[in-house]
Amino acid sequence: MVLHIIFFFICMLLNVHVPLPLPDVPEHVTYILVGAGTASFAAYRAIRKADKSAKVQYLNFTYR
């Protein structure tokens, strides 16, 4: 729930429309990366280097 609130707050700041409902995030996920681009991939590699047991979830929304 807290992650949804943070996500909506960031979208409001960026003036991005987000369709509802958002996907449910599994309880075992320790990190969430928004977007699936180069920055998210670099963040994923850094997270996995620091924490081998980390569970990472990508949230990627494509608008056309």
PDB file of N, CA and C in Angstrom:
ATOM      1  N   MET A   1       0.815  -1.200   0.000  1.00  0.00           N
ATOM      2  CA  MET A   1       0.000   0.000   0.000  1.00  0.00           C
ATOM      3  C   MET A   1       0.858   1.264   0.000  1.00  0.00           C
ATOM      4  N   VAL A   2       1.886   1.268   0.836  1.00  0.00           N
ATOM      5  CA  VAL A   2       2.765   2.432   0.903  1.00  0.00           C
ATOM      6  C   VAL A   2       3.448   2.673  -0.433  1.00  0.00           C
ATOM      7  N   LEU A   3       3.830   1.585  -1.101  1.00  0.00           N
ATOM      8  CA  LEU A   3       4.477   1.733  -2.400  1.00  0.00           C
ATOM      9  C   LEU A   3       3.545   2.336  -3.432  1.00  0.00           C
ATOM     10  N   HIS A   4       2.268   1.986  -3.380  1.00  0.00           N
ATOM     11  CA  HIS A   4       1.295   2.586  -4.296  1.00  0.00           C
ATOM     12  C   HIS A   4       1.180   4.079  -4.056  1.00  0.00           C
ATOM     13  N   ILE A   5       1.176   4.481  -2.797  1.00  0.00           N
ATOM     14  CA  ILE A   5       1.072   5.905  -2.466  1.00  0.00           C
ATOM     15  C   ILE A   5       2.290   6.656  -2.982  1.00  0.00           C
ATOM     16  N   ILE A   6       3.482   6.090  -2.777  1.00  0.00           N
ATOM     17  CA  ILE A   6       4.699   6.735  -3.269  1.00  0.00           C
ATOM     18  C   ILE A   6       4.673   6.830  -4.788  1.00  0.00           C
ATOM     19  N   PHE A   7       4.240   5.766  -5.444  1.00  0.00           N
ATOM     20  CA  PHE A   7       4.171   5.754  -6.903  1.00  0.00           C
ATOM     21  C   PHE A   7       3.218   6.835  -7.409  1.00  0.00           C
ATOM     22  N   PHE A   8       2.037   6.938  -6.795  1.00  0.00           N
ATOM     23  CA  PHE A   8       1.084   7.958  -7.208  1.00  0.00           C
ATOM     24  C   PHE A   8       1.631   9.357  -6.966  1.00  0.00           C
ATOM     25  N   PHE A   9       2.335   9.556  -5.856  1.00  0.00           N
ATOM     26  CA  PHE A   9       2.910  10.869  -5.563  1.00  0.00           C
ATOM     27  C   PHE A   9       3.935  11.257  -6.626  1.00  0.00           C
ATOM     28  N   ILE A  10       4.794  10.326  -7.022  1.00  0.00           N
ATOM     29  CA  ILE A  10       5.777  10.608  -8.062  1.00  0.00           C
ATOM     30  C   ILE A  10       5.083  10.917  -9.383  1.00  0.00           C
ATOM     31  N   CYS A  11       4.051  10.167  -9.710  1.00  0.00           N
ATOM     32  CA  CYS A  11       3.301  10.418 -10.951  1.00  0.00           C
ATOM     33  C   CYS A  11       2.638  11.790 -10.933  1.00  0.00           C
ATOM     34  N   MET A  12       2.130  12.188  -9.774  1.00  0.00           N
ATOM     35  CA  MET A  12       1.519  13.516  -9.671  1.00  0.00           C
ATOM     36  C   MET A  12       2.564  14.596  -9.897  1.00  0.00           C
ATOM     37  N   LEU A  13       3.758  14.417  -9.330  1.00  0.00           N
ATOM     38  CA  LEU A  13       4.824  15.403  -9.513  1.00  0.00           C
ATOM     39  C   LEU A  13       5.250  15.506 -10.975  1.00  0.00           C
ATOM     40  N   LEU A  14       5.271  14.376 -11.666  1.00  0.00           N
ATOM     41  CA  LEU A  14       5.687  14.349 -13.061  1.00  0.00           C
ATOM     42  C   LEU A  14       4.528  14.610 -14.026  1.00  0.00           C
ATOM     43  N   ASN A  15       3.320  14.778 -13.472  1.00  0.00           N
ATOM     44  CA  ASN A  15       2.120  15.004 -14.275  1.00  0.00           C
ATOM     45  C   ASN A  15       1.890  13.864 -15.268  1.00  0.00           C
ATOM     46  N   VAL A  16       1.982  12.637 -14.767  1.00  0.00           N
ATOM     47  CA  VAL A  16       1.807  11.434 -15.579  1.00  0.00           C
ATOM     48  C   VAL A  16       0.491  10.771 -15.190  1.00  0.00           C
ATOM     49  N   HIS A  17      -0.305  10.444 -16.179  1.00  0.00           N
ATOM     50  CA  HIS A  17      -1.568   9.745 -15.926  1.00  0.00           C
ATOM     51  C   HIS A  17      -1.296   8.257 -15.769  1.00  0.00           C
ATOM     52  N   VAL A  18      -1.808   7.671 -14.699  1.00  0.00           N
ATOM     53  CA  VAL A  18      -1.617   6.244 -14.434  1.00  0.00           C
ATOM     54  C   VAL A  18      -2.978   5.567 -14.437  1.00  0.00           C
ATOM     55  N   PRO A  19      -3.164   4.575 -15.307  1.00  0.00           N
ATOM     56  CA  PRO A  19      -4.439   3.857 -15.306  1.00  0.00           C
ATOM     57  C   PRO A  19      -4.589   3.013 -14.046  1.00  0.00           C
ATOM     58  N   LEU A  20      -5.795   2.868 -13.570  1.00  0.00           N
ATOM     59  CA  LEU A  20      -6.068   2.056 -12.385  1.00  0.00           C
ATOM     60  C   LEU A  20      -6.665   0.730 -12.808  1.00  0.00           C
ATOM     61  N   PRO A  21      -6.513  -0.326 -12.095  1.00  0.00           N
ATOM     62  CA  PRO A  21      -5.735  -0.469 -10.868  1.00  0.00           C
ATOM     63  C   PRO A  21      -4.278  -0.775 -11.167  1.00  0.00           C
ATOM     64  N   LEU A  22      -3.412  -0.495 -10.215  1.00  0.00           N
ATOM     65  CA  LEU A  22      -2.004  -0.844 -10.332  1.00  0.00           C
ATOM     66  C   LEU A  22      -1.824  -2.328 -10.022  1.00  0.00           C
ATOM     67  N   PRO A  23      -0.782  -2.916 -10.572  1.00  0.00           N
ATOM     68  CA  PRO A  23      -0.551  -4.337 -10.273  1.00  0.00           C
ATOM     69  C   PRO A  23      -0.199  -4.539  -8.805  1.00  0.00           C
ATOM     70  N   ASP A  24      -0.640  -5.657  -8.256  1.00  0.00           N
ATOM     71  CA  ASP A  24      -0.288  -5.989  -6.879  1.00  0.00           C
ATOM     72  C   ASP A  24       1.174  -6.389  -6.821  1.00  0.00           C
ATOM     73  N   VAL A  25       1.835  -5.941  -5.769  1.00  0.00           N
ATOM     74  CA  VAL A  25       3.237  -6.277  -5.568  1.00  0.00           C
ATOM     75  C   VAL A  25       3.305  -7.415  -4.555  1.00  0.00           C
ATOM     76  N   PRO A  26       3.953  -8.511  -4.901  1.00  0.00           N
ATOM     77  CA  PRO A  26       4.065  -9.621  -3.956  1.00  0.00           C
ATOM     78  C   PRO A  26       4.796  -9.201  -2.676  1.00  0.00           C
ATOM     79  N   GLU A  27       4.416  -9.817  -1.577  1.00  0.00           N
ATOM     80  CA  GLU A  27       4.997  -9.484  -0.273  1.00  0.00           C
ATOM     81  C   GLU A  27       6.498  -9.767  -0.201  1.00  0.00           C
ATOM     82  N   HIS A  28       6.988 -10.731  -0.962  1.00  0.00           N
ATOM     83  CA  HIS A  28       8.397 -11.103  -0.871  1.00  0.00           C
ATOM     84  C   HIS A  28       9.336 -10.158  -1.617  1.00  0.00           C
ATOM     85  N   VAL A  29       8.808  -9.221  -2.389  1.00  0.00           N
ATOM     86  CA  VAL A  29       9.635  -8.297  -3.161  1.00  0.00           C
ATOM     87  C   VAL A  29      10.271  -7.269  -2.217  1.00  0.00           C
ATOM     88  N   THR A  30      11.603  -7.147  -2.297  1.00  0.00           N
ATOM     89  CA  THR A  30      12.310  -6.198  -1.425  1.00  0.00           C
ATOM     90  C   THR A  30      12.646  -4.893  -2.124  1.00  0.00           C
ATOM     91  N   TYR A  31      12.702  -4.904  -3.454  1.00  0.00           N
ATOM     92  CA  TYR A  31      13.003  -3.692  -4.221  1.00  0.00           C
ATOM     93  C   TYR A  31      12.049  -3.603  -5.402  1.00  0.00           C
ATOM     94  N   ILE A  32      11.621  -2.372  -5.707  1.00  0.00           N
ATOM     95  CA  ILE A  32      10.779  -2.127  -6.880  1.00  0.00           C
ATOM     96  C   ILE A  32      11.465  -1.081  -7.736  1.00  0.00           C
ATOM     97  N   LEU A  33      11.644  -1.400  -8.998  1.00  0.00           N
ATOM     98  CA  LEU A  33      12.241  -0.461  -9.937  1.00  0.00           C
ATOM     99  C   LEU A  33      11.156  -0.013 -10.903  1.00  0.00           C
ATOM    100  N   VAL A  34      10.990   1.285 -11.038  1.00  0.00           N
ATOM    101  CA  VAL A  34       9.977   1.836 -11.934  1.00  0.00           C
ATOM    102  C   VAL A  34      10.645   2.107 -13.275  1.00  0.00           C
ATOM    103  N   GLY A  35      10.145   1.434 -14.311  1.00  0.00           N
ATOM    104  CA  GLY A  35      10.724   1.537 -15.635  1.00  0.00           C
ATOM    105  C   GLY A  35      11.621   0.345 -15.897  1.00  0.00           C
ATOM    106  N   ALA A  36      11.866   0.073 -17.144  1.00  0.00           N
ATOM    107  CA  ALA A  36      12.705  -1.068 -17.504  1.00  0.00           C
ATOM    108  C   ALA A  36      13.811  -0.642 -18.459  1.00  0.00           C
ATOM    109  N   GLY A  37      14.286   0.563 -18.280  1.00  0.00           N
ATOM    110  CA  GLY A  37      15.331   1.083 -19.155  1.00  0.00           C
ATOM    111  C   GLY A  37      16.723   0.857 -18.602  1.00  0.00           C
ATOM    112  N   THR A  38      17.662   1.619 -19.132  1.00  0.00           N
ATOM    113  CA  THR A  38      19.065   1.483 -18.777  1.00  0.00           C
ATOM    114  C   THR A  38      19.317   1.781 -17.305  1.00  0.00           C
ATOM    115  N   ALA A  39      18.680   2.824 -16.773  1.00  0.00           N
ATOM    116  CA  ALA A  39      18.877   3.185 -15.363  1.00  0.00           C
ATOM    117  C   ALA A  39      18.369   2.083 -14.435  1.00  0.00           C
ATOM    118  N   SER A  40      17.226   1.497 -14.760  1.00  0.00           N
ATOM    119  CA  SER A  40      16.697   0.406 -13.946  1.00  0.00           C
ATOM    120  C   SER A  40      17.605  -0.813 -14.001  1.00  0.00           C
ATOM    121  N   PHE A  41      18.149  -1.097 -15.172  1.00  0.00           N
ATOM    122  CA  PHE A  41      19.058  -2.234 -15.295  1.00  0.00           C
ATOM    123  C   PHE A  41      20.320  -2.005 -14.469  1.00  0.00           C
ATOM    124  N   ALA A  42      20.858  -0.788 -14.499  1.00  0.00           N
ATOM    125  CA  ALA A  42      22.041  -0.465 -13.696  1.00  0.00           C
ATOM    126  C   ALA A  42      21.715  -0.564 -12.206  1.00  0.00           C
ATOM    127  N   ALA A  43      20.526  -0.096 -11.816  1.00  0.00           N
ATOM    128  CA  ALA A  43      20.111  -0.206 -10.415  1.00  0.00           C
ATOM    129  C   ALA A  43      19.973  -1.670 -10.011  1.00  0.00           C
ATOM    130  N   TYR A  44      19.406  -2.480 -10.891  1.00  0.00           N
ATOM    131  CA  TYR A  44      19.261  -3.908 -10.623  1.00  0.00           C
ATOM    132  C   TYR A  44      20.627  -4.559 -10.383  1.00  0.00           C
ATOM    133  N   ARG A  45      21.580  -4.254 -11.238  1.00  0.00           N
ATOM    134  CA  ARG A  45      22.918  -4.838 -11.081  1.00  0.00           C
ATOM    135  C   ARG A  45      23.565  -4.401  -9.773  1.00  0.00           C
ATOM    136  N   ALA A  46      23.395  -3.129  -9.398  1.00  0.00           N
ATOM    137  CA  ALA A  46      23.965  -2.636  -8.140  1.00  0.00           C
ATOM    138  C   ALA A  46      23.295  -3.288  -6.939  1.00  0.00           C
ATOM    139  N   ILE A  47      21.977  -3.446  -7.014  1.00  0.00           N
ATOM    140  CA  ILE A  47      21.246  -4.095  -5.918  1.00  0.00           C
ATOM    141  C   ILE A  47      21.700  -5.536  -5.757  1.00  0.00           C
ATOM    142  N   ARG A  48      21.762  -6.266  -6.857  1.00  0.00           N
ATOM    143  CA  ARG A  48      22.159  -7.678  -6.790  1.00  0.00           C
ATOM    144  C   ARG A  48      23.612  -7.846  -6.342  1.00  0.00           C
ATOM    145  N   LYS A  49      24.464  -6.881  -6.677  1.00  0.00           N
ATOM    146  CA  LYS A  49      25.854  -6.938  -6.229  1.00  0.00           C
ATOM    147  C   LYS A  49      25.935  -6.759  -4.713  1.00  0.00           C
ATOM    148  N   ALA A  50      25.119  -5.858  -4.177  1.00  0.00           N
ATOM    149  CA  ALA A  50      25.128  -5.577  -2.742  1.00  0.00           C
ATOM    150  C   ALA A  50      24.330  -6.594  -1.942  1.00  0.00           C
ATOM    151  N   ASP A  51      23.271  -7.149  -2.543  1.00  0.00           N
ATOM    152  CA  ASP A  51      22.372  -8.052  -1.824  1.00  0.00           C
ATOM    153  C   ASP A  51      21.987  -9.210  -2.744  1.00  0.00           C
ATOM    154  N   LYS A  52      22.714 -10.304  -2.632  1.00  0.00           N
ATOM    155  CA  LYS A  52      22.497 -11.453  -3.527  1.00  0.00           C
ATOM    156  C   LYS A  52      21.110 -12.086  -3.382  1.00  0.00           C
ATOM    157  N   SER A  53      20.481 -11.928  -2.227  1.00  0.00           N
ATOM    158  CA  SER A  53      19.162 -12.543  -2.008  1.00  0.00           C
ATOM    159  C   SER A  53      18.007 -11.581  -2.284  1.00  0.00           C
ATOM    160  N   ALA A  54      18.296 -10.416  -2.836  1.00  0.00           N
ATOM    161  CA  ALA A  54      17.251  -9.416  -3.095  1.00  0.00           C
ATOM    162  C   ALA A  54      16.244  -9.920  -4.126  1.00  0.00           C
ATOM    163  N   LYS A  55      14.992  -9.600  -3.903  1.00  0.00           N
ATOM    164  CA  LYS A  55      13.919  -9.885  -4.862  1.00  0.00           C
ATOM    165  C   LYS A  55      13.516  -8.558  -5.490  1.00  0.00           C
ATOM    166  N   VAL A  56      13.710  -8.437  -6.795  1.00  0.00           N
ATOM    167  CA  VAL A  56      13.503  -7.176  -7.506  1.00  0.00           C
ATOM    168  C   VAL A  56      12.301  -7.297  -8.426  1.00  0.00           C
ATOM    169  N   GLN A  57      11.432  -6.298  -8.394  1.00  0.00           N
ATOM    170  CA  GLN A  57      10.238  -6.235  -9.244  1.00  0.00           C
ATOM    171  C   GLN A  57      10.361  -5.004 -10.139  1.00  0.00           C
ATOM    172  N   TYR A  58      10.100  -5.176 -11.423  1.00  0.00           N
ATOM    173  CA  TYR A  58      10.054  -4.053 -12.363  1.00  0.00           C
ATOM    174  C   TYR A  58       8.609  -3.644 -12.571  1.00  0.00           C
ATOM    175  N   LEU A  59       8.354  -2.361 -12.572  1.00  0.00           N
ATOM    176  CA  LEU A  59       7.059  -1.821 -12.995  1.00  0.00           C
ATOM    177  C   LEU A  59       7.326  -1.001 -14.239  1.00  0.00           C
ATOM    178  N   ASN A  60       6.740  -1.399 -15.343  1.00  0.00           N
ATOM    179  CA  ASN A  60       6.969  -0.719 -16.597  1.00  0.00           C
ATOM    180  C   ASN A  60       5.632  -0.421 -17.262  1.00  0.00           C
ATOM    181  N   PHE A  61       5.387   0.844 -17.504  1.00  0.00           N
ATOM    182  CA  PHE A  61       4.144   1.268 -18.149  1.00  0.00           C
ATOM    183  C   PHE A  61       4.512   1.926 -19.470  1.00  0.00           C
ATOM    184  N   THR A  62       3.880   1.511 -20.539  1.00  0.00           N
ATOM    185  CA  THR A  62       4.144   2.090 -21.847  1.00  0.00           C
ATOM    186  C   THR A  62       2.923   2.890 -22.288  1.00  0.00           C
ATOM    187  N   TYR A  63       3.174   4.146 -22.635  1.00  0.00           N
ATOM    188  CA  TYR A  63       2.101   5.014 -23.119  1.00  0.00           C
ATOM    189  C   TYR A  63       2.336   5.298 -24.586  1.00  0.00           C
ATOM    190  N   ARG A  64       1.260   5.284 -25.340  1.00  0.00           N
ATOM    191  CA  ARG A  64       1.363   5.570 -26.778  1.00  0.00           C
ATOM    192  C   ARG A  64       0.419   6.659 -27.148  1.00  0.00           C
TER     193      ARG A  64
END
